[in-house]
Amino acid sequence: MANSCLQLCGFLLSSLGWLGVVIATSTNDWVTMCKYGVTTCKKMDELQSKGPWEECVISTALYHCVAFTQILELPAYIQTTRALMILGSIMGLPAVILLLMSMPCISIGNDAQSAKNKRAILGGVLMVVVALCALVPTIWFPIGANQELGLMSFGFSLYAGWVGTVFCLLGGVMLMCSSDSSASSPRSYQDNNHYYYSKHGGGSLPVASSNHHAKSAHV
């Protein structure tokens, strides 16, 4: 029961974390930059919002974004952010599917508990990899943007990436620790005995059934 609750909590945290990583990947409100002081930039309407895909100018009367089309001319921190965030978002999908198939409340045919445990461990490992893929860009991007133009504040997308990274890491570790392979063998042994007794008369005692089986073997 405890393993089931731990596995369910890990699945929920991992799924929410993956959604946070996807949101951070698809949006551009990572950092807000300014060359001058905060007060001066607000008066001059020179605030800039920057993400992996676009750079936007924010003012009272204008919100204009320019996409980064020259891929080879982009700084290394932007190219790395794009590659790792896309990789983490793609890897999260099979991880969520594996974890969903390993839930105790979901049964696929005569699926053994050991197979569910293996899927849970594999899904947890993938979620940890997703967290590592998102950790590097969410730390490197604000540092690179600050060195390039001057950082004023963090944006919503960056916070979503941080929260998603922490959730994926916690959920993945919980899932890897929740599987108990030793719990499957006693249950299978009891199921086999139950099938054997029901096949040889139902109400007979286990000792009598085993003696009858031994006499039949001698004949």
C-alpha atoms as a PDB file:
ATOM      1  CA  MET A   1       0.000   0.000   0.000  1.00  0.00           C
ATOM      2  CA  ALA A   2       2.810   2.392   0.885  1.00  0.00           C
ATOM      3  CA  ASN A   3       4.595   1.621  -2.391  1.00  0.00           C
ATOM      4  CA  SER A   4       1.397   2.290  -4.332  1.00  0.00           C
ATOM      5  CA  CYS A   5       0.925   5.694  -2.673  1.00  0.00           C
ATOM      6  CA  LEU A   6       4.568   6.585  -3.264  1.00  0.00           C
ATOM      7  CA  GLN A   7       4.292   5.528  -6.893  1.00  0.00           C
ATOM      8  CA  LEU A   8       1.122   7.587  -7.393  1.00  0.00           C
ATOM      9  CA  CYS A   9       2.721  10.678  -5.836  1.00  0.00           C
ATOM     10  CA  GLY A  10       5.779  10.219  -8.034  1.00  0.00           C
ATOM     11  CA  PHE A  11       3.600   9.935 -11.117  1.00  0.00           C
ATOM     12  CA  LEU A  12       1.696  13.140 -10.291  1.00  0.00           C
ATOM     13  CA  LEU A  13       4.852  15.122  -9.524  1.00  0.00           C
ATOM     14  CA  SER A  14       6.584  13.868 -12.670  1.00  0.00           C
ATOM     15  CA  SER A  15       3.601  14.697 -14.884  1.00  0.00           C
ATOM     16  CA  LEU A  16       3.302  18.222 -13.459  1.00  0.00           C
ATOM     17  CA  GLY A  17       7.038  18.719 -13.813  1.00  0.00           C
ATOM     18  CA  TRP A  18       6.991  17.611 -17.441  1.00  0.00           C
ATOM     19  CA  LEU A  19       4.170  20.078 -18.150  1.00  0.00           C
ATOM     20  CA  GLY A  20       6.279  22.830 -16.575  1.00  0.00           C
ATOM     21  CA  VAL A  21       9.212  21.927 -18.815  1.00  0.00           C
ATOM     22  CA  VAL A  22       6.960  21.972 -21.899  1.00  0.00           C
ATOM     23  CA  ILE A  23       5.562  25.390 -20.933  1.00  0.00           C
ATOM     24  CA  ALA A  24       9.062  26.790 -20.429  1.00  0.00           C
ATOM     25  CA  THR A  25      10.172  25.377 -23.782  1.00  0.00           C
ATOM     26  CA  SER A  26       7.282  26.836 -25.775  1.00  0.00           C
ATOM     27  CA  THR A  27       7.244  30.350 -24.257  1.00  0.00           C
ATOM     28  CA  ASN A  28       9.710  33.244 -24.384  1.00  0.00           C
ATOM     29  CA  ASP A  29       9.250  35.084 -21.095  1.00  0.00           C
ATOM     30  CA  TRP A  30      12.519  33.810 -19.667  1.00  0.00           C
ATOM     31  CA  VAL A  31      14.301  37.041 -18.691  1.00  0.00           C
ATOM     32  CA  THR A  32      13.588  40.772 -18.807  1.00  0.00           C
ATOM     33  CA  MET A  33      16.656  42.789 -19.707  1.00  0.00           C
ATOM     34  CA  CYS A  34      17.722  46.417 -19.666  1.00  0.00           C
ATOM     35  CA  LYS A  35      20.951  48.268 -20.453  1.00  0.00           C
ATOM     36  CA  TYR A  36      20.362  51.023 -17.919  1.00  0.00           C
ATOM     37  CA  GLY A  37      18.762  51.252 -14.519  1.00  0.00           C
ATOM     38  CA  VAL A  38      15.259  49.987 -13.894  1.00  0.00           C
ATOM     39  CA  THR A  39      13.731  53.451 -13.522  1.00  0.00           C
ATOM     40  CA  THR A  40      15.465  54.779 -16.646  1.00  0.00           C
ATOM     41  CA  CYS A  41      14.409  51.790 -18.753  1.00  0.00           C
ATOM     42  CA  LYS A  42      10.793  52.134 -17.676  1.00  0.00           C
ATOM     43  CA  LYS A  43      10.765  55.815 -18.567  1.00  0.00           C
ATOM     44  CA  MET A  44      12.386  55.178 -21.943  1.00  0.00           C
ATOM     45  CA  ASP A  45      10.278  52.106 -22.654  1.00  0.00           C
ATOM     46  CA  GLU A  46      13.343  49.997 -23.441  1.00  0.00           C
ATOM     47  CA  LEU A  47      12.489  46.842 -21.568  1.00  0.00           C
ATOM     48  CA  GLN A  48      13.266  43.658 -23.494  1.00  0.00           C
ATOM     49  CA  SER A  49      11.989  40.155 -22.893  1.00  0.00           C
ATOM     50  CA  LYS A  50      14.095  37.303 -24.197  1.00  0.00           C
ATOM     51  CA  GLY A  51      13.633  33.564 -24.611  1.00  0.00           C
ATOM     52  CA  PRO A  52      15.103  30.706 -26.638  1.00  0.00           C
ATOM     53  CA  TRP A  53      13.038  31.544 -29.726  1.00  0.00           C
ATOM     54  CA  GLU A  54      12.262  35.280 -29.753  1.00  0.00           C
ATOM     55  CA  GLU A  55      13.308  38.632 -28.389  1.00  0.00           C
ATOM     56  CA  CYS A  56      10.500  41.067 -27.594  1.00  0.00           C
ATOM     57  CA  VAL A  57      10.315  44.809 -26.955  1.00  0.00           C
ATOM     58  CA  ILE A  58       7.925  45.680 -24.150  1.00  0.00           C
ATOM     59  CA  SER A  59       6.457  49.174 -23.851  1.00  0.00           C
ATOM     60  CA  THR A  60       3.157  50.820 -22.982  1.00  0.00           C
ATOM     61  CA  ALA A  61       2.083  51.120 -26.608  1.00  0.00           C
ATOM     62  CA  LEU A  62       4.048  48.347 -28.286  1.00  0.00           C
ATOM     63  CA  TYR A  63       4.759  44.675 -27.848  1.00  0.00           C
ATOM     64  CA  HIS A  64       6.867  43.514 -30.747  1.00  0.00           C
ATOM     65  CA  CYS A  65       8.772  40.225 -31.017  1.00  0.00           C
ATOM     66  CA  VAL A  66      11.538  39.241 -33.422  1.00  0.00           C
ATOM     67  CA  ALA A  67      12.262  35.556 -33.969  1.00  0.00           C
ATOM     68  CA  PHE A  68      15.810  34.207 -33.966  1.00  0.00           C
ATOM     69  CA  THR A  69      16.172  32.946 -37.512  1.00  0.00           C
ATOM     70  CA  GLN A  70      19.975  32.839 -37.862  1.00  0.00           C
ATOM     71  CA  ILE A  71      20.534  29.612 -35.955  1.00  0.00           C
ATOM     72  CA  LEU A  72      24.272  29.333 -36.564  1.00  0.00           C
ATOM     73  CA  GLU A  73      24.888  32.917 -35.414  1.00  0.00           C
ATOM     74  CA  LEU A  74      23.115  32.521 -32.063  1.00  0.00           C
ATOM     75  CA  PRO A  75      25.109  32.457 -28.829  1.00  0.00           C
ATOM     76  CA  ALA A  76      25.996  29.083 -27.384  1.00  0.00           C
ATOM     77  CA  TYR A  77      23.656  29.426 -24.410  1.00  0.00           C
ATOM     78  CA  ILE A  78      20.617  29.901 -26.665  1.00  0.00           C
ATOM     79  CA  GLN A  79      21.497  26.952 -28.907  1.00  0.00           C
ATOM     80  CA  THR A  80      22.108  24.738 -25.888  1.00  0.00           C
ATOM     81  CA  THR A  81      18.844  25.842 -24.302  1.00  0.00           C
ATOM     82  CA  ARG A  82      16.904  24.971 -27.443  1.00  0.00           C
ATOM     83  CA  ALA A  83      18.480  21.547 -27.837  1.00  0.00           C
ATOM     84  CA  LEU A  84      18.182  20.428 -24.208  1.00  0.00           C
ATOM     85  CA  MET A  85      14.672  21.777 -23.615  1.00  0.00           C
ATOM     86  CA  ILE A  86      13.356  20.098 -26.780  1.00  0.00           C
ATOM     87  CA  LEU A  87      15.084  16.853 -25.796  1.00  0.00           C
ATOM     88  CA  GLY A  88      13.583  16.985 -22.311  1.00  0.00           C
ATOM     89  CA  SER A  89      10.093  17.711 -23.637  1.00  0.00           C
ATOM     90  CA  ILE A  90      10.255  14.806 -26.096  1.00  0.00           C
ATOM     91  CA  MET A  91      11.631  12.322 -23.554  1.00  0.00           C
ATOM     92  CA  GLY A  92       8.899  13.233 -21.087  1.00  0.00           C
ATOM     93  CA  LEU A  93       6.135  11.823 -23.294  1.00  0.00           C
ATOM     94  CA  PRO A  94       7.261   8.149 -23.307  1.00  0.00           C
ATOM     95  CA  ALA A  95       8.128   8.498 -19.623  1.00  0.00           C
ATOM     96  CA  VAL A  96       4.561   9.570 -18.768  1.00  0.00           C
ATOM     97  CA  ILE A  97       3.132   6.720 -20.893  1.00  0.00           C
ATOM     98  CA  LEU A  98       5.346   4.160 -19.133  1.00  0.00           C
ATOM     99  CA  LEU A  99       4.394   5.506 -15.723  1.00  0.00           C
ATOM    100  CA  LEU A 100       0.714   5.493 -16.598  1.00  0.00           C
ATOM    101  CA  MET A 101       0.961   1.830 -17.639  1.00  0.00           C
ATOM    102  CA  SER A 102       2.710   0.967 -14.363  1.00  0.00           C
ATOM    103  CA  MET A 103       0.042   2.408 -12.068  1.00  0.00           C
ATOM    104  CA  PRO A 104      -1.516  -0.139  -9.647  1.00  0.00           C
ATOM    105  CA  CYS A 105      -5.046   0.854 -10.702  1.00  0.00           C
ATOM    106  CA  ILE A 106      -4.362   0.071 -14.382  1.00  0.00           C
ATOM    107  CA  SER A 107      -4.160  -3.530 -15.560  1.00  0.00           C
ATOM    108  CA  ILE A 108      -3.154  -4.594 -19.071  1.00  0.00           C
ATOM    109  CA  GLY A 109      -4.189  -8.202 -19.590  1.00  0.00           C
ATOM    110  CA  ASN A 110      -2.392 -10.615 -17.244  1.00  0.00           C
ATOM    111  CA  ASP A 111       0.418  -8.170 -16.591  1.00  0.00           C
ATOM    112  CA  ALA A 112       2.714  -9.272 -13.754  1.00  0.00           C
ATOM    113  CA  GLN A 113       3.695  -6.915 -10.973  1.00  0.00           C
ATOM    114  CA  SER A 114       7.369  -7.321 -11.831  1.00  0.00           C
ATOM    115  CA  ALA A 115       6.733  -5.904 -15.310  1.00  0.00           C
ATOM    116  CA  LYS A 116       4.972  -2.897 -13.772  1.00  0.00           C
ATOM    117  CA  ASN A 117       7.920  -2.363 -11.440  1.00  0.00           C
ATOM    118  CA  LYS A 118      10.335  -2.374 -14.367  1.00  0.00           C
ATOM    119  CA  ARG A 119       8.219   0.174 -16.246  1.00  0.00           C
ATOM    120  CA  ALA A 120       8.048   2.383 -13.155  1.00  0.00           C
ATOM    121  CA  ILE A 121      11.822   2.290 -12.729  1.00  0.00           C
ATOM    122  CA  LEU A 122      12.407   3.058 -16.419  1.00  0.00           C
ATOM    123  CA  GLY A 123       9.900   5.926 -16.301  1.00  0.00           C
ATOM    124  CA  GLY A 124      11.568   7.305 -13.177  1.00  0.00           C
ATOM    125  CA  VAL A 125      14.985   7.199 -14.836  1.00  0.00           C
ATOM    126  CA  LEU A 126      13.616   9.040 -17.878  1.00  0.00           C
ATOM    127  CA  MET A 127      12.086  11.689 -15.623  1.00  0.00           C
ATOM    128  CA  VAL A 128      15.436  12.241 -13.907  1.00  0.00           C
ATOM    129  CA  VAL A 129      17.029  12.667 -17.340  1.00  0.00           C
ATOM    130  CA  VAL A 130      14.297  15.203 -18.239  1.00  0.00           C
ATOM    131  CA  ALA A 131      15.110  17.113 -15.043  1.00  0.00           C
ATOM    132  CA  LEU A 132      18.817  17.168 -15.889  1.00  0.00           C
ATOM    133  CA  CYS A 133      18.052  18.351 -19.444  1.00  0.00           C
ATOM    134  CA  ALA A 134      16.006  21.251 -18.060  1.00  0.00           C
ATOM    135  CA  LEU A 135      18.397  22.089 -15.226  1.00  0.00           C
ATOM    136  CA  VAL A 136      21.302  23.156 -17.425  1.00  0.00           C
ATOM    137  CA  PRO A 137      19.362  25.647 -19.632  1.00  0.00           C
ATOM    138  CA  THR A 138      17.406  27.222 -16.769  1.00  0.00           C
ATOM    139  CA  ILE A 139      20.704  28.041 -15.023  1.00  0.00           C
ATOM    140  CA  TRP A 140      22.844  28.905 -18.043  1.00  0.00           C
ATOM    141  CA  PHE A 141      20.302  31.037 -19.928  1.00  0.00           C
ATOM    142  CA  PRO A 142      19.941  33.862 -17.342  1.00  0.00           C
ATOM    143  CA  ILE A 143      23.701  33.921 -16.823  1.00  0.00           C
ATOM    144  CA  GLY A 144      24.338  34.239 -20.561  1.00  0.00           C
ATOM    145  CA  ALA A 145      21.634  36.874 -20.999  1.00  0.00           C
ATOM    146  CA  ASN A 146      23.067  38.923 -18.131  1.00  0.00           C
ATOM    147  CA  GLN A 147      26.546  38.847 -19.646  1.00  0.00           C
ATOM    148  CA  GLU A 148      25.194  39.802 -23.072  1.00  0.00           C
ATOM    149  CA  LEU A 149      22.857  42.708 -22.339  1.00  0.00           C
ATOM    150  CA  GLY A 150      22.162  43.077 -18.649  1.00  0.00           C
ATOM    151  CA  LEU A 151      19.604  41.164 -16.638  1.00  0.00           C
ATOM    152  CA  MET A 152      16.808  42.920 -14.796  1.00  0.00           C
ATOM    153  CA  SER A 153      14.475  40.153 -13.634  1.00  0.00           C
ATOM    154  CA  PHE A 154      13.429  36.575 -14.232  1.00  0.00           C
ATOM    155  CA  GLY A 155      10.319  35.782 -16.251  1.00  0.00           C
ATOM    156  CA  PHE A 156       7.408  33.390 -15.894  1.00  0.00           C
ATOM    157  CA  SER A 157       8.887  30.834 -18.286  1.00  0.00           C
ATOM    158  CA  LEU A 158      12.071  30.541 -16.250  1.00  0.00           C
ATOM    159  CA  TYR A 159      10.111  29.967 -13.042  1.00  0.00           C
ATOM    160  CA  ALA A 160       8.040  27.315 -14.815  1.00  0.00           C
ATOM    161  CA  GLY A 161      11.245  25.602 -15.914  1.00  0.00           C
ATOM    162  CA  TRP A 162      12.666  25.640 -12.384  1.00  0.00           C
ATOM    163  CA  VAL A 163       9.489  24.229 -10.841  1.00  0.00           C
ATOM    164  CA  GLY A 164       9.244  21.596 -13.573  1.00  0.00           C
ATOM    165  CA  THR A 165      12.866  20.572 -13.018  1.00  0.00           C
ATOM    166  CA  VAL A 166      12.374  20.103  -9.275  1.00  0.00           C
ATOM    167  CA  PHE A 167       9.112  18.178  -9.739  1.00  0.00           C
ATOM    168  CA  CYS A 168      10.608  15.855 -12.365  1.00  0.00           C
ATOM    169  CA  LEU A 169      13.633  15.173 -10.180  1.00  0.00           C
ATOM    170  CA  LEU A 170      11.581  14.450  -7.050  1.00  0.00           C
ATOM    171  CA  GLY A 171       9.023  12.380  -8.941  1.00  0.00           C
ATOM    172  CA  GLY A 172      11.683  10.351 -10.730  1.00  0.00           C
ATOM    173  CA  VAL A 173      13.514   9.539  -7.496  1.00  0.00           C
ATOM    174  CA  MET A 174      10.255   8.566  -5.782  1.00  0.00           C
ATOM    175  CA  LEU A 175       9.348   6.253  -8.654  1.00  0.00           C
ATOM    176  CA  MET A 176      12.725   4.549  -8.639  1.00  0.00           C
ATOM    177  CA  CYS A 177      12.399   3.943  -4.897  1.00  0.00           C
ATOM    178  CA  SER A 178       8.746   2.849  -4.956  1.00  0.00           C
ATOM    179  CA  SER A 179       9.033  -0.469  -6.819  1.00  0.00           C
ATOM    180  CA  ASP A 180       9.251  -3.607  -4.702  1.00  0.00           C
ATOM    181  CA  SER A 181      10.175  -6.654  -6.768  1.00  0.00           C
ATOM    182  CA  SER A 182      10.048  -9.005  -3.783  1.00  0.00           C
ATOM    183  CA  ALA A 183       6.310  -8.511  -3.356  1.00  0.00           C
ATOM    184  CA  SER A 184       5.430 -10.276  -6.601  1.00  0.00           C
ATOM    185  CA  SER A 185       6.749 -13.791  -5.881  1.00  0.00           C
ATOM    186  CA  PRO A 186       4.621 -14.654  -2.789  1.00  0.00           C
ATOM    187  CA  ARG A 187       1.486 -13.517  -4.526  1.00  0.00           C
ATOM    188  CA  SER A 188       2.177 -15.616  -7.598  1.00  0.00           C
ATOM    189  CA  TYR A 189       2.865 -18.643  -5.381  1.00  0.00           C
ATOM    190  CA  GLN A 190      -0.467 -18.201  -3.615  1.00  0.00           C
ATOM    191  CA  ASP A 191      -2.274 -17.785  -6.919  1.00  0.00           C
ATOM    192  CA  ASN A 192      -0.756 -21.034  -8.232  1.00  0.00           C
ATOM    193  CA  ASN A 193      -1.755 -22.940  -5.106  1.00  0.00           C
ATOM    194  CA  HIS A 194      -5.268 -21.540  -5.287  1.00  0.00           C
ATOM    195  CA  TYR A 195      -5.555 -22.713  -8.897  1.00  0.00           C
ATOM    196  CA  TYR A 196      -4.227 -26.170  -8.001  1.00  0.00           C
ATOM    197  CA  TYR A 197      -6.642 -26.696  -5.101  1.00  0.00           C
ATOM    198  CA  SER A 198      -9.646 -25.491  -7.059  1.00  0.00           C
ATOM    199  CA  LYS A 199      -8.741 -27.860  -9.896  1.00  0.00           C
ATOM    200  CA  HIS A 200      -8.545 -30.909  -7.597  1.00  0.00           C
ATOM    201  CA  GLY A 201     -11.767 -30.588  -5.649  1.00  0.00           C
ATOM    202  CA  GLY A 202     -11.982 -27.075  -4.178  1.00  0.00           C
ATOM    203  CA  GLY A 203     -12.835 -27.925  -0.545  1.00  0.00           C
ATOM    204  CA  SER A 204     -10.111 -30.505   0.032  1.00  0.00           C
ATOM    205  CA  LEU A 205      -7.288 -29.678   2.380  1.00  0.00           C
ATOM    206  CA  PRO A 206      -3.868 -28.794   0.934  1.00  0.00           C
ATOM    207  CA  VAL A 207      -2.259 -31.857   2.583  1.00  0.00           C
ATOM    208  CA  ALA A 208      -4.802 -34.245   1.160  1.00  0.00           C
ATOM    209  CA  SER A 209      -4.402 -32.752  -2.285  1.00  0.00           C
ATOM    210  CA  SER A 210      -0.658 -33.134  -2.182  1.00  0.00           C
ATOM    211  CA  ASN A 211      -0.994 -36.799  -1.026  1.00  0.00           C
ATOM    212  CA  HIS A 212      -3.451 -37.541  -3.797  1.00  0.00           C
ATOM    213  CA  HIS A 213      -1.048 -35.973  -6.289  1.00  0.00           C
ATOM    214  CA  ALA A 214       1.805 -38.126  -4.962  1.00  0.00           C
ATOM    215  CA  LYS A 215      -0.248 -41.387  -5.274  1.00  0.00           C
ATOM    216  CA  SER A 216      -1.201 -40.486  -8.821  1.00  0.00           C
ATOM    217  CA  ALA A 217       2.447 -39.964  -9.671  1.00  0.00           C
ATOM    218  CA  HIS A 218       3.379 -43.465  -8.356  1.00  0.00           C
ATOM    219  CA  VAL A 219       0.604 -45.130 -10.401  1.00  0.00           C
END
